[in-house]
PDB file of all heavy atoms in Angstrom:
ATOM      1  N   GLN A   1      43.977 -39.828  38.791  1.00  0.00           N
ATOM      2  CA  GLN A   1      42.656 -39.442  39.301  1.00  0.00           C
ATOM      3  C   GLN A   1      41.665 -40.591  39.129  1.00  0.00           C
ATOM      4  O   GLN A   1      40.847 -40.855  40.017  1.00  0.00           O
ATOM      5  CB  GLN A   1      42.147 -38.208  38.552  1.00  0.00           C
ATOM      6  CG  GLN A   1      40.836 -37.665  39.115  1.00  0.00           C
ATOM      7  CD  GLN A   1      40.189 -36.640  38.215  1.00  0.00           C
ATOM      8  OE1 GLN A   1      39.640 -36.991  37.173  1.00  0.00           O
ATOM      9  NE2 GLN A   1      40.243 -35.366  38.633  1.00  0.00           N
ATOM     10  N   LYS A   2      41.725 -41.273  37.996  1.00  0.00           N
ATOM     11  CA  LYS A   2      40.833 -42.401  37.738  1.00  0.00           C
ATOM     12  C   LYS A   2      41.042 -43.510  38.765  1.00  0.00           C
ATOM     13  O   LYS A   2      40.087 -44.084  39.290  1.00  0.00           O
ATOM     14  CB  LYS A   2      41.060 -42.943  36.327  1.00  0.00           C
ATOM     15  CG  LYS A   2      40.163 -44.118  35.980  1.00  0.00           C
ATOM     16  CD  LYS A   2      40.446 -44.624  34.576  1.00  0.00           C
ATOM     17  CE  LYS A   2      39.560 -45.834  34.267  1.00  0.00           C
ATOM     18  NZ  LYS A   2      39.841 -46.388  32.917  1.00  0.00           N
ATOM     19  N   THR A   3      42.308 -43.785  39.063  1.00  0.00           N
ATOM     20  CA  THR A   3      42.624 -44.817  40.057  1.00  0.00           C
ATOM     21  C   THR A   3      42.075 -44.423  41.425  1.00  0.00           C
ATOM     22  O   THR A   3      41.487 -45.240  42.141  1.00  0.00           O
ATOM     23  CB  THR A   3      44.151 -45.020  40.151  1.00  0.00           C
ATOM     24  OG1 THR A   3      44.649 -45.426  38.868  1.00  0.00           O
ATOM     25  CG2 THR A   3      44.496 -46.083  41.178  1.00  0.00           C
ATOM     26  N   ALA A   4      42.274 -43.128  41.781  1.00  0.00           N
ATOM     27  CA  ALA A   4      41.768 -42.635  43.064  1.00  0.00           C
ATOM     28  C   ALA A   4      40.245 -42.674  43.100  1.00  0.00           C
ATOM     29  O   ALA A   4      39.643 -42.994  44.129  1.00  0.00           O
ATOM     30  CB  ALA A   4      42.266 -41.215  43.303  1.00  0.00           C
ATOM     31  N   ARG A   5      39.617 -42.348  41.940  1.00  0.00           N
ATOM     32  CA  ARG A   5      38.159 -42.372  41.865  1.00  0.00           C
ATOM     33  C   ARG A   5      37.622 -43.785  42.084  1.00  0.00           C
ATOM     34  O   ARG A   5      36.666 -43.976  42.825  1.00  0.00           O
ATOM     35  CB  ARG A   5      37.690 -41.843  40.515  1.00  0.00           C
ATOM     36  CG  ARG A   5      36.153 -41.820  40.385  1.00  0.00           C
ATOM     37  CD  ARG A   5      35.694 -41.597  38.953  1.00  0.00           C
ATOM     38  NE  ARG A   5      36.376 -40.465  38.361  1.00  0.00           N
ATOM     39  CZ  ARG A   5      37.097 -40.544  37.242  1.00  0.00           C
ATOM     40  NH1 ARG A   5      37.223 -41.699  36.608  1.00  0.00           N
ATOM     41  NH2 ARG A   5      37.666 -39.463  36.742  1.00  0.00           N
ATOM     42  N   GLU A   6      38.218 -44.744  41.444  1.00  0.00           N
ATOM     43  CA  GLU A   6      37.775 -46.133  41.578  1.00  0.00           C
ATOM     44  C   GLU A   6      37.898 -46.607  43.021  1.00  0.00           C
ATOM     45  O   GLU A   6      37.022 -47.308  43.539  1.00  0.00           O
ATOM     46  CB  GLU A   6      38.588 -47.032  40.648  1.00  0.00           C
ATOM     47  CG  GLU A   6      38.280 -46.805  39.168  1.00  0.00           C
ATOM     48  CD  GLU A   6      39.201 -47.568  38.247  1.00  0.00           C
ATOM     49  OE1 GLU A   6      40.234 -48.075  38.733  1.00  0.00           O
ATOM     50  OE2 GLU A   6      38.902 -47.651  37.026  1.00  0.00           O
ATOM     51  N   ALA A   7      38.983 -46.211  43.681  1.00  0.00           N
ATOM     52  CA  ALA A   7      39.173 -46.578  45.086  1.00  0.00           C
ATOM     53  C   ALA A   7      38.122 -45.896  45.970  1.00  0.00           C
ATOM     54  O   ALA A   7      37.582 -46.501  46.911  1.00  0.00           O
ATOM     55  CB  ALA A   7      40.578 -46.190  45.540  1.00  0.00           C
ATOM     56  N   ALA A   8      37.837 -44.616  45.651  1.00  0.00           N
ATOM     57  CA  ALA A   8      36.848 -43.862  46.426  1.00  0.00           C
ATOM     58  C   ALA A   8      35.455 -44.452  46.261  1.00  0.00           C
ATOM     59  O   ALA A   8      34.698 -44.593  47.240  1.00  0.00           O
ATOM     60  CB  ALA A   8      36.855 -42.400  46.007  1.00  0.00           C
ATOM     61  N   VAL A   9      35.122 -44.805  45.016  1.00  0.00           N
ATOM     62  CA  VAL A   9      33.801 -45.403  44.745  1.00  0.00           C
ATOM     63  C   VAL A   9      33.660 -46.719  45.489  1.00  0.00           C
ATOM     64  O   VAL A   9      32.600 -47.023  46.063  1.00  0.00           O
ATOM     65  CB  VAL A   9      33.604 -45.616  43.227  1.00  0.00           C
ATOM     66  CG1 VAL A   9      32.364 -46.454  42.963  1.00  0.00           C
ATOM     67  CG2 VAL A   9      33.496 -44.276  42.511  1.00  0.00           C
ATOM     68  N   LYS A  10      34.714 -47.507  45.496  1.00  0.00           N
ATOM     69  CA  LYS A  10      34.696 -48.784  46.205  1.00  0.00           C
ATOM     70  C   LYS A  10      34.527 -48.574  47.710  1.00  0.00           C
ATOM     71  O   LYS A  10      33.756 -49.277  48.380  1.00  0.00           O
ATOM     72  CB  LYS A  10      35.989 -49.548  45.926  1.00  0.00           C
ATOM     73  CG  LYS A  10      36.013 -50.953  46.501  1.00  0.00           C
ATOM     74  CD  LYS A  10      37.286 -51.682  46.107  1.00  0.00           C
ATOM     75  CE  LYS A  10      37.287 -53.100  46.681  1.00  0.00           C
ATOM     76  NZ  LYS A  10      38.523 -53.836  46.301  1.00  0.00           N
ATOM     77  N   ALA A  11      35.249 -47.588  48.238  1.00  0.00           N
ATOM     78  CA  ALA A  11      35.149 -47.287  49.674  1.00  0.00           C
ATOM     79  C   ALA A  11      33.754 -46.788  50.039  1.00  0.00           C
ATOM     80  O   ALA A  11      33.199 -47.159  51.082  1.00  0.00           O
ATOM     81  CB  ALA A  11      36.195 -46.243  50.059  1.00  0.00           C
ATOM     82  N   GLU A  12      33.188 -45.949  49.168  1.00  0.00           N
ATOM     83  CA  GLU A  12      31.836 -45.431  49.403  1.00  0.00           C
ATOM     84  C   GLU A  12      30.815 -46.568  49.407  1.00  0.00           C
ATOM     85  O   GLU A  12      29.884 -46.581  50.220  1.00  0.00           O
ATOM     86  CB  GLU A  12      31.480 -44.405  48.326  1.00  0.00           C
ATOM     87  CG  GLU A  12      32.249 -43.090  48.464  1.00  0.00           C
ATOM     88  CD  GLU A  12      32.136 -42.210  47.236  1.00  0.00           C
ATOM     89  OE1 GLU A  12      31.404 -42.600  46.288  1.00  0.00           O
ATOM     90  OE2 GLU A  12      32.781 -41.145  47.190  1.00  0.00           O
ATOM     91  N   ALA A  13      30.990 -47.520  48.495  1.00  0.00           N
ATOM     92  CA  ALA A  13      30.082 -48.665  48.426  1.00  0.00           C
ATOM     93  C   ALA A  13      30.189 -49.522  49.686  1.00  0.00           C
ATOM     94  O   ALA A  13      29.181 -50.003  50.220  1.00  0.00           O
ATOM     95  CB  ALA A  13      30.383 -49.502  47.189  1.00  0.00           C
ATOM     96  N   THR A  14      31.421 -49.697  50.173  1.00  0.00           N
ATOM     97  CA  THR A  14      31.636 -50.476  51.396  1.00  0.00           C
ATOM     98  C   THR A  14      30.999 -49.794  52.595  1.00  0.00           C
ATOM     99  O   THR A  14      30.351 -50.431  53.432  1.00  0.00           O
ATOM    100  CB  THR A  14      33.147 -50.670  51.647  1.00  0.00           C
ATOM    101  OG1 THR A  14      33.727 -51.372  50.543  1.00  0.00           O
ATOM    102  CG2 THR A  14      33.382 -51.459  52.926  1.00  0.00           C
ATOM    103  N   GLU A  15      31.182 -48.466  52.673  1.00  0.00           N
ATOM    104  CA  GLU A  15      30.589 -47.688  53.766  1.00  0.00           C
ATOM    105  C   GLU A  15      29.065 -47.800  53.740  1.00  0.00           C
ATOM    106  O   GLU A  15      28.424 -47.948  54.789  1.00  0.00           O
ATOM    107  CB  GLU A  15      31.009 -46.224  53.666  1.00  0.00           C
ATOM    108  CG  GLU A  15      32.469 -45.973  53.996  1.00  0.00           C
ATOM    109  CD  GLU A  15      32.864 -44.523  53.796  1.00  0.00           C
ATOM    110  OE1 GLU A  15      31.981 -43.717  53.411  1.00  0.00           O
ATOM    111  OE2 GLU A  15      34.041 -44.185  54.005  1.00  0.00           O
ATOM    112  N   LYS A  16      28.496 -47.741  52.532  1.00  0.00           N
ATOM    113  CA  LYS A  16      27.046 -47.835  52.388  1.00  0.00           C
ATOM    114  C   LYS A  16      26.550 -49.211  52.830  1.00  0.00           C
ATOM    115  O   LYS A  16      25.564 -49.318  53.567  1.00  0.00           O
ATOM    116  CB  LYS A  16      26.637 -47.582  50.938  1.00  0.00           C
ATOM    117  CG  LYS A  16      25.129 -47.663  50.709  1.00  0.00           C
ATOM    118  CD  LYS A  16      24.781 -47.361  49.264  1.00  0.00           C
ATOM    119  CE  LYS A  16      23.268 -47.445  49.047  1.00  0.00           C
ATOM    120  NZ  LYS A  16      22.888 -47.148  47.653  1.00  0.00           N
ATOM    121  N   THR A  17      27.242 -50.259  52.406  1.00  0.00           N
ATOM    122  CA  THR A  17      26.854 -51.621  52.775  1.00  0.00           C
ATOM    123  C   THR A  17      26.937 -51.819  54.286  1.00  0.00           C
ATOM    124  O   THR A  17      26.051 -52.408  54.903  1.00  0.00           O
ATOM    125  CB  THR A  17      27.758 -52.649  52.073  1.00  0.00           C
ATOM    126  OG1 THR A  17      27.625 -52.493  50.658  1.00  0.00           O
ATOM    127  CG2 THR A  17      27.373 -54.063  52.454  1.00  0.00           C
ATOM    128  N   THR A  18      28.007 -51.293  54.883  1.00  0.00           N
ATOM    129  CA  THR A  18      28.189 -51.407  56.336  1.00  0.00           C
ATOM    130  C   THR A  18      27.092 -50.675  57.084  1.00  0.00           C
ATOM    131  O   THR A  18      26.536 -51.179  58.067  1.00  0.00           O
ATOM    132  CB  THR A  18      29.563 -50.850  56.748  1.00  0.00           C
ATOM    133  OG1 THR A  18      30.593 -51.571  56.067  1.00  0.00           O
ATOM    134  CG2 THR A  18      29.767 -50.968  58.252  1.00  0.00           C
ATOM    135  N   ALA A  19      26.768 -49.465  56.618  1.00  0.00           N
ATOM    136  CA  ALA A  19      25.721 -48.657  57.267  1.00  0.00           C
ATOM    137  C   ALA A  19      24.368 -49.333  57.142  1.00  0.00           C
ATOM    138  O   ALA A  19      23.587 -49.371  58.104  1.00  0.00           O
ATOM    139  CB  ALA A  19      25.674 -47.264  56.657  1.00  0.00           C
ATOM    140  N   GLU A  20      24.061 -49.879  55.965  1.00  0.00           N
ATOM    141  CA  GLU A  20      22.780 -50.561  55.753  1.00  0.00           C
ATOM    142  C   GLU A  20      22.671 -51.804  56.627  1.00  0.00           C
ATOM    143  O   GLU A  20      21.598 -52.096  57.172  1.00  0.00           O
ATOM    144  CB  GLU A  20      22.634 -50.936  54.277  1.00  0.00           C
ATOM    145  CG  GLU A  20      22.378 -49.745  53.371  1.00  0.00           C
ATOM    146  CD  GLU A  20      22.333 -50.117  51.901  1.00  0.00           C
ATOM    147  OE1 GLU A  20      22.870 -51.198  51.537  1.00  0.00           O
ATOM    148  OE2 GLU A  20      21.755 -49.351  51.102  1.00  0.00           O
ATOM    149  N   ALA A  21      23.787 -52.531  56.767  1.00  0.00           N
ATOM    150  CA  ALA A  21      23.797 -53.730  57.617  1.00  0.00           C
ATOM    151  C   ALA A  21      23.559 -53.353  59.078  1.00  0.00           C
ATOM    152  O   ALA A  21      22.815 -54.034  59.799  1.00  0.00           O
ATOM    153  CB  ALA A  21      25.126 -54.466  57.472  1.00  0.00           C
ATOM    154  N   LYS A  22      24.174 -52.249  59.503  1.00  0.00           N
ATOM    155  CA  LYS A  22      23.990 -51.776  60.877  1.00  0.00           C
ATOM    156  C   LYS A  22      22.545 -51.374  61.121  1.00  0.00           C
ATOM    157  O   LYS A  22      21.954 -51.720  62.150  1.00  0.00           O
ATOM    158  CB  LYS A  22      24.911 -50.587  61.153  1.00  0.00           C
ATOM    159  CG  LYS A  22      24.790 -50.049  62.576  1.00  0.00           C
ATOM    160  CD  LYS A  22      25.691 -48.839  62.775  1.00  0.00           C
ATOM    161  CE  LYS A  22      25.523 -48.281  64.179  1.00  0.00           C
ATOM    162  NZ  LYS A  22      26.339 -47.055  64.392  1.00  0.00           N
ATOM    163  N   GLU A  23      21.959 -50.661  60.165  1.00  0.00           N
ATOM    164  CA  GLU A  23      20.562 -50.240  60.284  1.00  0.00           C
ATOM    165  C   GLU A  23      19.634 -51.441  60.334  1.00  0.00           C
ATOM    166  O   GLU A  23      18.672 -51.463  61.101  1.00  0.00           O
ATOM    167  CB  GLU A  23      20.193 -49.334  59.107  1.00  0.00           C
ATOM    168  CG  GLU A  23      20.848 -47.963  59.160  1.00  0.00           C
ATOM    169  CD  GLU A  23      20.663 -47.178  57.876  1.00  0.00           C
ATOM    170  OE1 GLU A  23      19.922 -47.642  56.980  1.00  0.00           O
ATOM    171  OE2 GLU A  23      21.259 -46.094  57.736  1.00  0.00           O
ATOM    172  N   ALA A  24      19.916 -52.455  59.519  1.00  0.00           N
ATOM    173  CA  ALA A  24      19.088 -53.659  59.499  1.00  0.00           C
ATOM    174  C   ALA A  24      19.178 -54.404  60.824  1.00  0.00           C
ATOM    175  O   ALA A  24      18.164 -54.890  61.358  1.00  0.00           O
ATOM    176  CB  ALA A  24      19.526 -54.570  58.356  1.00  0.00           C
ATOM    177  N   THR A  25      20.390 -54.477  61.380  1.00  0.00           N
ATOM    178  CA  THR A  25      20.582 -55.147  62.672  1.00  0.00           C
ATOM    179  C   THR A  25      19.849 -54.413  63.779  1.00  0.00           C
ATOM    180  O   THR A  25      19.187 -55.029  64.627  1.00  0.00           O
ATOM    181  CB  THR A  25      22.089 -55.219  63.015  1.00  0.00           C
ATOM    182  OG1 THR A  25      22.767 -55.977  62.005  1.00  0.00           O
ATOM    183  CG2 THR A  25      22.304 -55.891  64.371  1.00  0.00           C
ATOM    184  N   GLU A  26      19.951 -53.086  63.785  1.00  0.00           N
ATOM    185  CA  GLU A  26      19.278 -52.274  64.798  1.00  0.00           C
ATOM    186  C   GLU A  26      17.766 -52.388  64.671  1.00  0.00           C
ATOM    187  O   GLU A  26      17.055 -52.434  65.681  1.00  0.00           O
ATOM    188  CB  GLU A  26      19.719 -50.817  64.674  1.00  0.00           C
ATOM    189  CG  GLU A  26      21.171 -50.579  65.068  1.00  0.00           C
ATOM    190  CD  GLU A  26      21.622 -49.162  64.825  1.00  0.00           C
ATOM    191  OE1 GLU A  26      20.922 -48.430  64.071  1.00  0.00           O
ATOM    192  OE2 GLU A  26      22.677 -48.768  65.359  1.00  0.00           O
ATOM    193  N   LYS A  27      17.275 -52.446  63.429  1.00  0.00           N
ATOM    194  CA  LYS A  27      15.838 -52.583  63.199  1.00  0.00           C
ATOM    195  C   LYS A  27      15.339 -53.929  63.722  1.00  0.00           C
ATOM    196  O   LYS A  27      14.296 -53.998  64.384  1.00  0.00           O
ATOM    197  CB  LYS A  27      15.528 -52.458  61.715  1.00  0.00           C
ATOM    198  CG  LYS A  27      14.046 -52.610  61.388  1.00  0.00           C
ATOM    199  CD  LYS A  27      13.777 -52.449  59.906  1.00  0.00           C
ATOM    200  CE  LYS A  27      12.287 -52.613  59.603  1.00  0.00           C
ATOM    201  NZ  LYS A  27      12.000 -52.458  58.158  1.00  0.00           N
ATOM    202  N   THR A  28      16.088 -54.990  63.435  1.00  0.00           N
ATOM    203  CA  THR A  28      15.701 -56.328  63.905  1.00  0.00           C
ATOM    204  C   THR A  28      15.669 -56.383  65.431  1.00  0.00           C
ATOM    205  O   THR A  28      14.738 -56.929  66.028  1.00  0.00           O
ATOM    206  CB  THR A  28      16.673 -57.389  63.367  1.00  0.00           C
ATOM    207  OG1 THR A  28      16.638 -57.376  61.934  1.00  0.00           O
ATOM    208  CG2 THR A  28      16.300 -58.774  63.864  1.00  0.00           C
ATOM    209  N   ALA A  29      16.685 -55.792  66.055  1.00  0.00           N
ATOM    210  CA  ALA A  29      16.751 -55.779  67.522  1.00  0.00           C
ATOM    211  C   ALA A  29      15.598 -54.971  68.110  1.00  0.00           C
ATOM    212  O   ALA A  29      14.988 -55.361  69.113  1.00  0.00           O
ATOM    213  CB  ALA A  29      18.089 -55.193  67.972  1.00  0.00           C
ATOM    214  N   ALA A  30      15.277 -53.826  67.470  1.00  0.00           N
ATOM    215  CA  ALA A  30      14.189 -52.977  67.956  1.00  0.00           C
ATOM    216  C   ALA A  30      12.849 -53.680  67.818  1.00  0.00           C
ATOM    217  O   ALA A  30      11.992 -53.599  68.704  1.00  0.00           O
ATOM    218  CB  ALA A  30      14.177 -51.654  67.188  1.00  0.00           C
ATOM    219  N   GLU A  31      12.647 -54.366  66.696  1.00  0.00           N
ATOM    220  CA  GLU A  31      11.394 -55.101  66.471  1.00  0.00           C
ATOM    221  C   GLU A  31      11.245 -56.233  67.487  1.00  0.00           C
ATOM    222  O   GLU A  31      10.146 -56.483  67.988  1.00  0.00           O
ATOM    223  CB  GLU A  31      11.360 -55.655  65.047  1.00  0.00           C
ATOM    224  CG  GLU A  31      11.154 -54.586  63.985  1.00  0.00           C
ATOM    225  CD  GLU A  31      11.223 -55.153  62.583  1.00  0.00           C
ATOM    226  OE1 GLU A  31      11.780 -56.271  62.411  1.00  0.00           O
ATOM    227  OE2 GLU A  31      10.729 -54.493  61.642  1.00  0.00           O
ATOM    228  N   LYS A  32      12.350 -56.915  67.776  1.00  0.00           N
ATOM    229  CA  LYS A  32      12.318 -58.005  68.752  1.00  0.00           C
ATOM    230  C   LYS A  32      11.976 -57.476  70.140  1.00  0.00           C
ATOM    231  O   LYS A  32      11.130 -58.040  70.844  1.00  0.00           O
ATOM    232  CB  LYS A  32      13.666 -58.715  68.789  1.00  0.00           C
ATOM    233  CG  LYS A  32      13.722 -59.885  69.760  1.00  0.00           C
ATOM    234  CD  LYS A  32      15.094 -60.548  69.754  1.00  0.00           C
ATOM    235  CE  LYS A  32      15.139 -61.692  70.755  1.00  0.00           C
ATOM    236  NZ  LYS A  32      16.481 -62.330  70.787  1.00  0.00           N
ATOM    237  N   ALA A  33      12.632 -56.376  70.519  1.00  0.00           N
ATOM    238  CA  ALA A  33      12.367 -55.769  71.829  1.00  0.00           C
ATOM    239  C   ALA A  33      10.928 -55.276  71.912  1.00  0.00           C
ATOM    240  O   ALA A  33      10.268 -55.408  72.949  1.00  0.00           O
ATOM    241  CB  ALA A  33      13.336 -54.610  72.073  1.00  0.00           C
ATOM    242  N   GLU A  34      10.443 -54.700  70.812  1.00  0.00           N
ATOM    243  CA  GLU A  34       9.072 -54.202  70.742  1.00  0.00           C
ATOM    244  C   GLU A  34       8.065 -55.338  70.922  1.00  0.00           C
ATOM    245  O   GLU A  34       7.076 -55.215  71.646  1.00  0.00           O
ATOM    246  CB  GLU A  34       8.877 -53.532  69.384  1.00  0.00           C
ATOM    247  CG  GLU A  34       7.601 -52.762  69.202  1.00  0.00           C
ATOM    248  CD  GLU A  34       7.590 -52.066  67.856  1.00  0.00           C
ATOM    249  OE1 GLU A  34       7.204 -52.701  66.859  1.00  0.00           O
ATOM    250  OE2 GLU A  34       7.998 -50.901  67.794  1.00  0.00           O
ATOM    251  N   LYS A  35       8.334 -56.467  70.275  1.00  0.00           N
ATOM    252  CA  LYS A  35       7.450 -57.632  70.362  1.00  0.00           C
ATOM    253  C   LYS A  35       7.452 -58.207  71.776  1.00  0.00           C
ATOM    254  O   LYS A  35       6.396 -58.527  72.341  1.00  0.00           O
ATOM    255  CB  LYS A  35       7.889 -58.700  69.363  1.00  0.00           C
ATOM    256  CG  LYS A  35       7.001 -59.930  69.355  1.00  0.00           C
ATOM    257  CD  LYS A  35       7.472 -60.934  68.312  1.00  0.00           C
ATOM    258  CE  LYS A  35       6.586 -62.181  68.333  1.00  0.00           C
ATOM    259  NZ  LYS A  35       7.047 -63.188  67.336  1.00  0.00           N
ATOM    260  N   GLU A  36       8.638 -58.337  72.350  1.00  0.00           N
ATOM    261  CA  GLU A  36       8.743 -58.881  73.712  1.00  0.00           C
ATOM    262  C   GLU A  36       8.056 -57.961  74.715  1.00  0.00           C
ATOM    263  O   GLU A  36       7.400 -58.425  75.646  1.00  0.00           O
ATOM    264  CB  GLU A  36      10.217 -59.067  74.078  1.00  0.00           C
ATOM    265  CG  GLU A  36      10.900 -60.186  73.291  1.00  0.00           C
ATOM    266  CD  GLU A  36      12.363 -60.320  73.652  1.00  0.00           C
ATOM    267  OE1 GLU A  36      12.912 -59.395  74.307  1.00  0.00           O
ATOM    268  OE2 GLU A  36      12.977 -61.335  73.265  1.00  0.00           O
ATOM    269  N   ARG A  37       8.215 -56.649  74.529  1.00  0.00           N
ATOM    270  CA  ARG A  37       7.579 -55.697  75.446  1.00  0.00           C
ATOM    271  C   ARG A  37       6.065 -55.800  75.354  1.00  0.00           C
ATOM    272  O   ARG A  37       5.359 -55.765  76.362  1.00  0.00           O
ATOM    273  CB  ARG A  37       8.033 -54.280  75.118  1.00  0.00           C
ATOM    274  CG  ARG A  37       7.543 -53.230  76.120  1.00  0.00           C
ATOM    275  CD  ARG A  37       8.092 -51.863  75.809  1.00  0.00           C
ATOM    276  NE  ARG A  37       7.521 -51.322  74.595  1.00  0.00           N
ATOM    277  CZ  ARG A  37       8.211 -50.935  73.543  1.00  0.00           C
ATOM    278  NH1 ARG A  37       9.515 -51.062  73.538  1.00  0.00           N
ATOM    279  NH2 ARG A  37       7.614 -50.450  72.474  1.00  0.00           N
ATOM    280  N   ALA A  38       5.560 -55.952  74.116  1.00  0.00           N
ATOM    281  CA  ALA A  38       4.114 -56.062  73.918  1.00  0.00           C
ATOM    282  C   ALA A  38       3.561 -57.344  74.511  1.00  0.00           C
ATOM    283  O   ALA A  38       2.453 -57.374  75.050  1.00  0.00           O
ATOM    284  CB  ALA A  38       3.789 -55.993  72.428  1.00  0.00           C
ATOM    285  N   GLU A  39       4.333 -58.431  74.434  1.00  0.00           N
ATOM    286  CA  GLU A  39       3.869 -59.730  74.935  1.00  0.00           C
ATOM    287  C   GLU A  39       3.965 -59.833  76.457  1.00  0.00           C
ATOM    288  O   GLU A  39       3.117 -60.459  77.091  1.00  0.00           O
ATOM    289  CB  GLU A  39       4.696 -60.856  74.304  1.00  0.00           C
ATOM    290  CG  GLU A  39       4.441 -61.040  72.809  1.00  0.00           C
ATOM    291  CD  GLU A  39       5.359 -62.085  72.200  1.00  0.00           C
ATOM    292  OE1 GLU A  39       6.364 -62.455  72.859  1.00  0.00           O
ATOM    293  OE2 GLU A  39       5.077 -62.532  71.068  1.00  0.00           O
ATOM    294  N   LYS A  40       4.987 -59.219  77.038  1.00  0.00           N
ATOM    295  CA  LYS A  40       5.248 -59.427  78.463  1.00  0.00           C
ATOM    296  C   LYS A  40       4.994 -58.204  79.348  1.00  0.00           C
ATOM    297  O   LYS A  40       4.752 -58.351  80.550  1.00  0.00           O
ATOM    298  CB  LYS A  40       6.701 -59.869  78.661  1.00  0.00           C
ATOM    299  CG  LYS A  40       7.046 -61.155  77.940  1.00  0.00           C
ATOM    300  CD  LYS A  40       8.517 -61.492  78.117  1.00  0.00           C
ATOM    301  CE  LYS A  40       8.896 -62.755  77.356  1.00  0.00           C
ATOM    302  NZ  LYS A  40      10.336 -63.071  77.514  1.00  0.00           N
ATOM    303  N   GLU A  41       5.038 -57.002  78.754  1.00  0.00           N
ATOM    304  CA  GLU A  41       4.968 -55.815  79.606  1.00  0.00           C
ATOM    305  C   GLU A  41       3.868 -54.830  79.194  1.00  0.00           C
ATOM    306  O   GLU A  41       2.821 -54.781  79.829  1.00  0.00           O
ATOM    307  CB  GLU A  41       6.334 -55.124  79.612  1.00  0.00           C
ATOM    308  CG  GLU A  41       7.433 -55.994  80.198  1.00  0.00           C
ATOM    309  CD  GLU A  41       8.798 -55.388  80.046  1.00  0.00           C
ATOM    310  OE1 GLU A  41       9.383 -55.476  78.954  1.00  0.00           O
ATOM    311  OE2 GLU A  41       9.283 -54.825  81.043  1.00  0.00           O
ATOM    312  N   PHE A  42       4.098 -54.074  78.138  1.00  0.00           N
ATOM    313  CA  PHE A  42       3.096 -53.091  77.744  1.00  0.00           C
ATOM    314  C   PHE A  42       3.261 -52.723  76.286  1.00  0.00           C
ATOM    315  O   PHE A  42       4.292 -52.975  75.665  1.00  0.00           O
ATOM    316  CB  PHE A  42       3.184 -51.825  78.624  1.00  0.00           C
ATOM    317  CG  PHE A  42       4.506 -51.106  78.560  1.00  0.00           C
ATOM    318  CD1 PHE A  42       4.686 -50.023  77.720  1.00  0.00           C
ATOM    319  CD2 PHE A  42       5.568 -51.520  79.357  1.00  0.00           C
ATOM    320  CE1 PHE A  42       5.900 -49.357  77.667  1.00  0.00           C
ATOM    321  CE2 PHE A  42       6.796 -50.856  79.298  1.00  0.00           C
ATOM    322  CZ  PHE A  42       6.956 -49.777  78.457  1.00  0.00           C
ATOM    323  N   VAL A  43       2.214 -52.114  75.751  1.00  0.00           N
ATOM    324  CA  VAL A  43       2.187 -51.688  74.350  1.00  0.00           C
ATOM    325  C   VAL A  43       2.111 -50.162  74.296  1.00  0.00           C
ATOM    326  O   VAL A  43       1.335 -49.558  75.037  1.00  0.00           O
ATOM    327  CB  VAL A  43       0.989 -52.299  73.599  1.00  0.00           C
ATOM    328  CG1 VAL A  43       0.937 -51.793  72.162  1.00  0.00           C
ATOM    329  CG2 VAL A  43       1.070 -53.821  73.626  1.00  0.00           C
ATOM    330  N   VAL A  44       2.895 -49.565  73.422  1.00  0.00           N
ATOM    331  CA  VAL A  44       2.889 -48.105  73.260  1.00  0.00           C
ATOM    332  C   VAL A  44       2.177 -47.749  71.956  1.00  0.00           C
ATOM    333  O   VAL A  44       2.450 -48.347  70.919  1.00  0.00           O
ATOM    334  CB  VAL A  44       4.310 -47.538  73.220  1.00  0.00           C
ATOM    335  CG1 VAL A  44       4.281 -46.007  73.151  1.00  0.00           C
ATOM    336  CG2 VAL A  44       5.094 -47.985  74.443  1.00  0.00           C
ATOM    337  N   ALA A  45       1.269 -46.788  72.021  1.00  0.00           N
ATOM    338  CA  ALA A  45       0.587 -46.301  70.828  1.00  0.00           C
ATOM    339  C   ALA A  45       0.731 -44.777  70.795  1.00  0.00           C
ATOM    340  O   ALA A  45       0.620 -44.116  71.830  1.00  0.00           O
ATOM    341  CB  ALA A  45      -0.881 -46.692  70.836  1.00  0.00           C
TER     342      ALA A  45
END
């Protein structure tokens, strides 16, 4: 059980890191698109 737990904890940590990286990438892309839209097209409030 301890061995399985350690593997599960490691997998959970990897999943969390992957999810956080994906969220950060999506946030950066959204901010870039938002900035470009404001500079070239329109601003939403």
